[in-house]
Amino acid sequence: MIRHGLLFGLLALGFGPGRAQAPMPVLPVGGEPALRRLSHSAFQPGEKLTYVVHYGLMDAGEAVLELQESDLRMEGRPLLHAKGVGRSLGAFNLFYKVDDRYDTWFDRDGVFPWIFKRSVSEGGYTFTQDYVYLQHRQVVTTQKQRTHAVPLHVQDMLSAFYYARTLDLSDIAEGQEFTIPCFLDDELWPLRMRYVGRETIKIRNGRYRCMKFQPVVQEGRIFATNDDLNVWITDDGNRIPVLAQAKVLVGSIKMELSAHEGLVHPIARVK
């Protein structure tokens, strides 16, 4: 995911594609575990978020996230369907065409995934992923007909975006970290985030009150240091990313919120 899917990866996890230094252990739970139910008002079906991606000075691409109702049920539990599409724009298509799609069907009440599909086409390189998260059994099955043990309520790279928005950040302190277990690219990895502080930032379409985070990444692979990847999310009940900036080893990438609809709360825009 670090090498391919970076264009959309900045958005897919909400806070970027950072991996921690080592895979996570799986702690078994005796018997069939009870699946959680969360109380939150961070998002709702009908939400649509649109982002423009800049590579250097060039408008390189667009990423769109939509949340929809679903008729599917797993273990009798209702699901929501989140769809993410990332594509390159204009002249960028001439030397690195991108056409990515991500789909997750996650538990409406517990905000954890049951089904994840990924189709990536970037610069002539293509691949697909098709995962089924059997949360009640704590396993993930893949399109390779392999089964992987995972912790209870493990996330995929898109459902993690929604789950992170349900976290209680009311008493968060600067420097505090939190971890979300994710299964991606046939491996279990913890998404670790560090809170930096509150800032008011300006992007093309206005100024926003934000909370700033830094993913804790493996330094030296794509990012020289952890300071090279920063994400600002709205300081309101929606908790949506407004800006993500990444200094990669071959340049810089910036992603800005360009449009939104269907939010639950008024957005923290400064007039």
Protein backbone atom coordinates (compact mmCIF):
# COMPACT_ATOMS: atom_id res chain seq x y z
CA MET A 1 0.00 0.00 0.00
CA ILE A 2 2.94 2.34 0.57
CA ARG A 3 4.13 2.19 -3.01
CA HIS A 4 0.86 1.74 -4.89
CA GLY A 5 -2.29 3.48 -3.79
CA LEU A 6 -0.47 6.47 -2.25
CA LEU A 7 -2.59 8.96 -4.19
CA PHE A 8 -5.76 7.67 -2.60
CA GLY A 9 -4.11 6.21 0.49
CA LEU A 10 -3.74 9.65 2.02
CA LEU A 11 -7.51 9.79 2.21
CA ALA A 12 -8.50 6.18 2.60
CA LEU A 13 -7.39 5.94 6.18
CA GLY A 14 -8.38 9.47 6.84
CA PHE A 15 -4.99 10.13 8.36
CA GLY A 16 -2.72 8.68 5.67
CA PRO A 17 -1.06 5.37 4.83
CA GLY A 18 1.40 5.30 7.74
CA ARG A 19 2.38 1.95 9.18
CA ALA A 20 4.01 1.45 12.55
CA GLN A 21 7.36 -0.25 12.98
CA ALA A 22 6.20 -3.86 13.45
CA PRO A 23 3.17 -6.08 12.87
CA MET A 24 0.66 -6.53 15.69
CA PRO A 25 0.27 -9.73 17.71
CA VAL A 26 -3.15 -11.39 17.73
CA LEU A 27 -4.58 -12.02 21.19
CA PRO A 28 -7.18 -14.83 21.13
CA VAL A 29 -10.58 -14.39 22.75
CA GLY A 30 -12.13 -17.46 24.35
CA GLY A 31 -15.38 -18.59 22.71
CA GLU A 32 -17.29 -16.49 20.20
CA PRO A 33 -16.78 -12.82 21.14
CA ALA A 34 -19.54 -10.28 21.60
CA LEU A 35 -19.53 -7.71 18.80
CA ARG A 36 -19.58 -4.11 19.98
CA ARG A 37 -22.11 -1.35 19.44
CA LEU A 38 -20.97 2.28 19.35
CA SER A 39 -22.96 5.42 20.03
CA HIS A 40 -21.82 8.30 17.82
CA SER A 41 -23.04 11.07 15.50
CA ALA A 42 -19.91 11.54 13.36
CA PHE A 43 -21.37 10.54 9.97
CA GLN A 44 -24.52 9.38 8.20
CA PRO A 45 -25.54 7.83 4.86
CA GLY A 46 -25.58 10.47 2.13
CA GLU A 47 -22.24 11.98 3.14
CA LYS A 48 -19.93 12.80 0.22
CA LEU A 49 -16.42 14.22 0.50
CA THR A 50 -14.39 15.40 -2.49
CA TYR A 51 -10.65 16.12 -2.40
CA VAL A 52 -8.19 17.51 -4.94
CA VAL A 53 -4.68 16.08 -4.91
CA HIS A 54 -1.64 18.22 -5.75
CA TYR A 55 1.72 16.76 -6.71
CA GLY A 56 4.15 19.64 -6.41
CA LEU A 57 2.47 22.53 -8.24
CA MET A 58 0.33 20.25 -10.39
CA ASP A 59 -3.32 19.30 -9.78
CA ALA A 60 -2.67 15.58 -10.05
CA GLY A 61 -5.90 13.91 -9.07
CA GLU A 62 -9.23 13.77 -7.31
CA ALA A 63 -10.50 11.50 -4.56
CA VAL A 64 -14.18 11.07 -3.63
CA LEU A 65 -15.65 9.26 -0.63
CA GLU A 66 -19.35 8.42 -0.44
CA LEU A 67 -21.31 6.71 2.31
CA GLN A 68 -24.50 4.89 1.36
CA GLU A 69 -27.18 2.67 2.81
CA SER A 70 -26.82 -1.07 2.15
CA ASP A 71 -29.30 -3.95 2.00
CA LEU A 72 -26.62 -6.41 3.14
CA ARG A 73 -26.58 -7.93 6.61
CA MET A 74 -23.90 -10.03 8.30
CA GLU A 75 -24.74 -12.20 11.28
CA GLY A 76 -28.07 -10.37 11.35
CA ARG A 77 -26.37 -6.96 11.69
CA PRO A 78 -27.07 -4.07 9.25
CA LEU A 79 -24.23 -2.68 7.13
CA LEU A 80 -23.29 0.63 5.52
CA HIS A 81 -21.46 0.84 2.19
CA ALA A 82 -18.57 3.28 1.78
CA LYS A 83 -17.11 3.80 -1.69
CA GLY A 84 -13.87 5.58 -2.46
CA VAL A 85 -12.68 6.51 -5.95
CA GLY A 86 -9.32 8.05 -6.80
CA ARG A 87 -8.32 9.15 -10.30
CA SER A 88 -5.63 11.22 -11.93
CA LEU A 89 -6.45 14.45 -13.75
CA GLY A 90 -5.33 16.33 -16.83
CA ALA A 91 -1.68 16.21 -17.83
CA PHE A 92 -0.86 13.86 -14.97
CA ASN A 93 -2.60 11.10 -16.96
CA LEU A 94 0.10 11.29 -19.61
CA PHE A 95 2.86 9.90 -17.41
CA TYR A 96 1.10 8.30 -14.43
CA LYS A 97 -2.56 7.44 -14.89
CA VAL A 98 -4.46 6.48 -11.75
CA ASP A 99 -7.85 4.78 -11.54
CA ASP A 100 -8.47 3.31 -8.06
CA ARG A 101 -11.61 2.11 -6.33
CA TYR A 102 -12.17 1.02 -2.74
CA ASP A 103 -15.37 -0.44 -1.27
CA THR A 104 -16.09 -1.44 2.29
CA TRP A 105 -19.26 -2.76 3.84
CA PHE A 106 -18.97 -2.04 7.53
CA ASP A 107 -21.12 -2.69 10.56
CA ARG A 108 -23.59 0.16 11.07
CA ASP A 109 -23.67 -0.27 14.84
CA GLY A 110 -20.11 -1.33 15.60
CA VAL A 111 -18.17 0.47 12.80
CA PHE A 112 -15.95 -2.47 11.80
CA PRO A 113 -15.71 -4.08 8.33
CA TRP A 114 -17.26 -7.29 7.03
CA ILE A 115 -16.37 -7.02 3.31
CA PHE A 116 -13.58 -5.05 1.60
CA LYS A 117 -12.82 -4.77 -2.12
CA ARG A 118 -9.95 -2.85 -3.71
CA SER A 119 -9.08 -2.30 -7.37
CA VAL A 120 -5.88 -0.37 -8.11
CA SER A 121 -4.60 0.81 -11.48
CA GLU A 122 -1.62 3.16 -11.28
CA GLY A 123 0.99 3.83 -13.92
CA GLY A 124 0.25 0.55 -15.70
CA TYR A 125 0.40 -1.49 -12.49
CA THR A 126 -2.88 -3.19 -11.52
CA PHE A 127 -4.09 -5.45 -8.74
CA THR A 128 -7.26 -6.32 -6.84
CA GLN A 129 -8.06 -7.38 -3.29
CA ASP A 130 -11.20 -9.08 -2.04
CA TYR A 131 -11.40 -9.65 1.72
CA VAL A 132 -14.14 -11.05 3.96
CA TYR A 133 -13.80 -10.08 7.63
CA LEU A 134 -15.44 -12.77 9.74
CA GLN A 135 -15.37 -10.64 12.86
CA HIS A 136 -17.24 -13.14 15.04
CA ARG A 137 -14.51 -15.70 14.27
CA GLN A 138 -11.60 -13.22 14.30
CA VAL A 139 -10.35 -14.21 10.85
CA VAL A 140 -10.03 -12.59 7.41
CA THR A 141 -10.28 -14.62 4.21
CA THR A 142 -8.71 -13.28 1.01
CA GLN A 143 -9.11 -13.80 -2.72
CA LYS A 144 -6.03 -16.04 -2.49
CA GLN A 145 -8.12 -18.51 -0.47
CA ARG A 146 -6.00 -17.84 2.60
CA THR A 147 -7.26 -17.27 6.13
CA HIS A 148 -5.55 -14.89 8.56
CA ALA A 149 -6.10 -14.60 12.31
CA VAL A 150 -6.92 -11.01 13.34
CA PRO A 151 -7.95 -9.19 16.53
CA LEU A 152 -11.59 -8.47 17.25
CA HIS A 153 -12.96 -5.41 15.40
CA VAL A 154 -9.92 -5.13 13.10
CA GLN A 155 -10.32 -2.46 10.40
CA ASP A 156 -9.65 -2.26 6.67
CA MET A 157 -7.99 0.80 5.17
CA LEU A 158 -11.31 2.50 4.38
CA SER A 159 -13.44 1.52 7.38
CA ALA A 160 -10.63 2.84 9.60
CA PHE A 161 -11.40 6.31 8.21
CA TYR A 162 -14.92 6.11 9.64
CA TYR A 163 -14.01 4.39 12.89
CA ALA A 164 -11.35 7.02 13.68
CA ARG A 165 -14.04 9.69 13.47
CA THR A 166 -16.00 8.04 16.31
CA LEU A 167 -13.14 8.27 18.82
CA ASP A 168 -13.65 10.53 21.82
CA LEU A 169 -11.07 13.31 21.45
CA SER A 170 -12.55 15.66 24.05
CA ASP A 171 -9.72 15.17 26.54
CA ILE A 172 -6.89 14.42 24.12
CA ALA A 173 -3.49 15.90 25.10
CA GLU A 174 -0.69 17.08 22.81
CA GLY A 175 1.68 14.22 22.09
CA GLN A 176 -0.91 11.57 22.90
CA GLU A 177 -1.02 8.56 20.57
CA PHE A 178 -3.73 6.07 19.72
CA THR A 179 -3.64 2.87 17.69
CA ILE A 180 -6.16 1.28 15.32
CA PRO A 181 -5.51 -2.34 14.27
CA CYS A 182 -5.80 -2.73 10.48
CA PHE A 183 -5.53 -5.69 8.12
CA LEU A 184 -4.24 -4.68 4.70
CA ASP A 185 -2.04 -6.11 1.98
CA ASP A 186 -2.40 -9.56 3.60
CA GLU A 187 -0.81 -8.35 6.83
CA LEU A 188 -1.90 -7.04 10.20
CA TRP A 189 -0.55 -3.58 10.99
CA PRO A 190 -1.33 -0.98 13.63
CA LEU A 191 -2.24 2.50 12.42
CA ARG A 192 -0.67 4.80 15.00
CA MET A 193 -1.57 8.49 15.24
CA ARG A 194 0.00 11.26 17.33
CA TYR A 195 -1.96 14.39 18.25
CA VAL A 196 -0.03 17.63 17.65
CA GLY A 197 -2.52 20.36 18.62
CA ARG A 198 -5.20 22.75 17.39
CA GLU A 199 -4.63 25.12 14.47
CA THR A 200 -6.64 27.32 12.12
CA ILE A 201 -5.56 26.63 8.55
CA LYS A 202 -6.38 28.13 5.16
CA ILE A 203 -6.96 26.13 1.99
CA ARG A 204 -8.36 27.14 -1.40
CA ASN A 205 -11.99 27.19 -0.32
CA GLY A 206 -11.63 28.84 3.08
CA ARG A 207 -10.28 28.75 6.63
CA TYR A 208 -11.05 25.96 9.11
CA ARG A 209 -10.54 25.26 12.80
CA CYS A 210 -8.65 21.98 12.91
CA MET A 211 -6.94 19.35 15.00
CA LYS A 212 -3.51 18.37 13.68
CA PHE A 213 -2.26 14.77 13.69
CA GLN A 214 0.88 12.98 12.55
CA PRO A 215 0.79 9.31 11.59
CA VAL A 216 3.65 7.40 13.17
CA VAL A 217 5.32 5.91 10.10
CA GLN A 218 8.29 3.74 9.26
CA GLU A 219 10.94 6.34 8.57
CA GLY A 220 13.15 6.14 5.51
CA ARG A 221 10.89 4.11 3.20
CA ILE A 222 8.68 6.84 1.76
CA PHE A 223 8.91 9.52 4.46
CA ALA A 224 12.24 10.74 5.83
CA THR A 225 10.75 11.50 9.27
CA ASN A 226 7.36 11.47 11.00
CA ASP A 227 7.25 15.27 10.56
CA ASP A 228 6.94 14.75 6.80
CA LEU A 229 3.29 13.63 7.00
CA ASN A 230 0.65 15.84 8.62
CA VAL A 231 -3.15 15.77 8.58
CA TRP A 232 -5.62 18.41 9.75
CA ILE A 233 -9.19 17.33 10.62
CA THR A 234 -12.10 19.60 11.41
CA ASP A 235 -12.45 20.55 15.06
CA ASP A 236 -16.17 19.73 15.11
CA GLY A 237 -18.43 16.69 15.40
CA ASN A 238 -17.71 15.57 11.82
CA ARG A 239 -13.95 15.08 12.24
CA ILE A 240 -13.28 15.08 8.49
CA PRO A 241 -9.81 15.66 6.98
CA VAL A 242 -9.43 19.14 5.48
CA LEU A 243 -5.77 18.96 4.48
CA ALA A 244 -3.09 16.27 4.25
CA GLN A 245 0.50 17.13 3.37
CA ALA A 246 3.23 14.60 2.70
CA LYS A 247 6.87 15.13 1.81
CA VAL A 248 7.85 11.89 0.09
CA LEU A 249 11.31 10.88 -1.08
CA VAL A 250 10.45 11.89 -4.66
CA GLY A 251 8.59 15.17 -4.03
CA SER A 252 5.55 16.34 -2.14
CA ILE A 253 1.83 15.55 -2.16
CA LYS A 254 -0.99 17.68 -0.80
CA MET A 255 -4.67 16.81 -0.57
CA GLU A 256 -7.33 19.45 0.11
CA LEU A 257 -11.05 19.22 0.78
CA SER A 258 -12.80 20.79 -2.21
CA ALA A 259 -16.47 19.92 -1.58
CA HIS A 260 -18.70 18.22 0.96
CA GLU A 261 -22.34 17.33 1.42
CA GLY A 262 -24.49 15.37 3.83
CA LEU A 263 -22.49 16.18 6.99
CA VAL A 264 -24.18 15.60 10.33
CA HIS A 265 -22.80 18.76 11.98
CA PRO A 266 -21.98 22.28 10.76
CA ILE A 267 -18.38 22.31 9.54
CA ALA A 268 -15.80 24.29 11.53
CA ARG A 269 -15.27 26.93 8.89
CA VAL A 270 -13.98 30.35 9.99
CA LYS A 271 -15.62 33.35 8.33
